[in-house]
């Protein structure tokens, strides 16, 4: 299992979050929907890794990367 690491965006990612989603990054929350992040919510190692990169919760990852979209 990949170790959960809270998302810590650099200044460029903070600016991208503001431009893409219209709000400031809030530590411990999803970068997109602002829901509180719980380490146990992620379905697999790939989802944990994706959170460390993008700051997305599992629900937002599922809706963003859904192959039907």
C-alpha atoms as a PDB file:
ATOM      1  CA  UNK A   1       0.000   0.000   0.000  1.00  0.00           C
ATOM      2  CA  UNK A   2       1.263   3.478  -0.900  1.00  0.00           C
ATOM      3  CA  UNK A   3       1.669   5.765   2.103  1.00  0.00           C
ATOM      4  CA  UNK A   4      -0.898   8.579   2.218  1.00  0.00           C
ATOM      5  CA  UNK A   5       0.707  12.015   1.990  1.00  0.00           C
ATOM      6  CA  UNK A   6      -1.444  15.124   2.265  1.00  0.00           C
ATOM      7  CA  UNK A   7      -1.489  17.267  -0.859  1.00  0.00           C
ATOM      8  CA  UNK A   8       0.818  20.256  -0.480  1.00  0.00           C
ATOM      9  CA  UNK A   9       0.633  22.355  -3.639  1.00  0.00           C
ATOM     10  CA  UNK A  10       3.489  24.550  -4.749  1.00  0.00           C
ATOM     11  CA  UNK A  11       2.707  28.179  -5.748  1.00  0.00           C
ATOM     12  CA  UNK A  12       2.019  27.210  -9.382  1.00  0.00           C
ATOM     13  CA  UNK A  13      -0.475  24.497  -8.384  1.00  0.00           C
ATOM     14  CA  UNK A  14      -2.134  26.928  -5.952  1.00  0.00           C
ATOM     15  CA  UNK A  15      -2.598  29.393  -8.822  1.00  0.00           C
ATOM     16  CA  UNK A  16      -3.963  26.615 -11.061  1.00  0.00           C
ATOM     17  CA  UNK A  17      -6.504  25.597  -8.393  1.00  0.00           C
ATOM     18  CA  UNK A  18      -7.675  29.199  -8.120  1.00  0.00           C
ATOM     19  CA  UNK A  19      -7.969  29.574 -11.907  1.00  0.00           C
ATOM     20  CA  UNK A  20      -9.581  26.175 -12.561  1.00  0.00           C
ATOM     21  CA  UNK A  21     -11.927  25.910  -9.590  1.00  0.00           C
ATOM     22  CA  UNK A  22     -12.412  29.544  -8.531  1.00  0.00           C
ATOM     23  CA  UNK A  23     -11.276  29.161  -4.920  1.00  0.00           C
ATOM     24  CA  UNK A  24      -8.137  29.088  -2.804  1.00  0.00           C
ATOM     25  CA  UNK A  25      -6.633  25.759  -1.775  1.00  0.00           C
ATOM     26  CA  UNK A  26      -7.731  24.684   1.700  1.00  0.00           C
ATOM     27  CA  UNK A  27      -5.333  22.234   3.444  1.00  0.00           C
ATOM     28  CA  UNK A  28      -6.898  18.848   4.208  1.00  0.00           C
ATOM     29  CA  UNK A  29      -9.633  19.353   1.609  1.00  0.00           C
ATOM     30  CA  UNK A  30     -10.178  18.366  -2.008  1.00  0.00           C
ATOM     31  CA  UNK A  31      -8.691  20.890  -4.432  1.00  0.00           C
ATOM     32  CA  UNK A  32     -11.840  20.705  -6.604  1.00  0.00           C
ATOM     33  CA  UNK A  33     -14.916  20.233  -4.381  1.00  0.00           C
ATOM     34  CA  UNK A  34     -13.437  21.291  -1.004  1.00  0.00           C
ATOM     35  CA  UNK A  35     -14.715  18.167   0.783  1.00  0.00           C
ATOM     36  CA  UNK A  36     -12.592  17.031   3.705  1.00  0.00           C
ATOM     37  CA  UNK A  37      -9.997  14.411   2.751  1.00  0.00           C
ATOM     38  CA  UNK A  38      -9.968  11.137   4.696  1.00  0.00           C
ATOM     39  CA  UNK A  39      -6.943   8.892   3.987  1.00  0.00           C
ATOM     40  CA  UNK A  40      -9.121   5.752   4.028  1.00  0.00           C
ATOM     41  CA  UNK A  41     -11.406   6.992   1.243  1.00  0.00           C
ATOM     42  CA  UNK A  42      -9.057   6.103  -1.600  1.00  0.00           C
ATOM     43  CA  UNK A  43      -9.830   2.941  -3.555  1.00  0.00           C
ATOM     44  CA  UNK A  44      -6.275   1.899  -4.418  1.00  0.00           C
ATOM     45  CA  UNK A  45      -2.623   2.907  -4.542  1.00  0.00           C
ATOM     46  CA  UNK A  46      -3.097   4.731  -7.836  1.00  0.00           C
ATOM     47  CA  UNK A  47      -5.794   6.927  -6.264  1.00  0.00           C
ATOM     48  CA  UNK A  48      -3.551   7.745  -3.295  1.00  0.00           C
ATOM     49  CA  UNK A  49      -0.763   8.697  -5.705  1.00  0.00           C
ATOM     50  CA  UNK A  50      -3.141  10.804  -7.799  1.00  0.00           C
ATOM     51  CA  UNK A  51      -4.270  12.681  -4.691  1.00  0.00           C
ATOM     52  CA  UNK A  52      -0.630  13.518  -3.907  1.00  0.00           C
ATOM     53  CA  UNK A  53      -0.308  14.976  -7.434  1.00  0.00           C
ATOM     54  CA  UNK A  54      -3.656  16.711  -7.966  1.00  0.00           C
ATOM     55  CA  UNK A  55      -5.245  17.077  -4.528  1.00  0.00           C
ATOM     56  CA  UNK A  56      -8.481  15.456  -5.724  1.00  0.00           C
ATOM     57  CA  UNK A  57     -10.659  13.340  -3.425  1.00  0.00           C
ATOM     58  CA  UNK A  58     -11.780   9.899  -4.584  1.00  0.00           C
ATOM     59  CA  UNK A  59     -15.188  11.157  -5.751  1.00  0.00           C
ATOM     60  CA  UNK A  60     -13.627  13.915  -7.884  1.00  0.00           C
ATOM     61  CA  UNK A  61     -11.037  11.497  -9.276  1.00  0.00           C
ATOM     62  CA  UNK A  62     -13.834   9.135 -10.288  1.00  0.00           C
ATOM     63  CA  UNK A  63     -15.808  11.878 -12.017  1.00  0.00           C
ATOM     64  CA  UNK A  64     -12.712  13.388 -13.669  1.00  0.00           C
ATOM     65  CA  UNK A  65     -11.194  10.162 -14.967  1.00  0.00           C
ATOM     66  CA  UNK A  66     -14.413   8.284 -15.756  1.00  0.00           C
ATOM     67  CA  UNK A  67     -13.977   6.671 -19.163  1.00  0.00           C
ATOM     68  CA  UNK A  68     -17.627   7.386 -20.016  1.00  0.00           C
ATOM     69  CA  UNK A  69     -17.004  11.175 -19.927  1.00  0.00           C
END
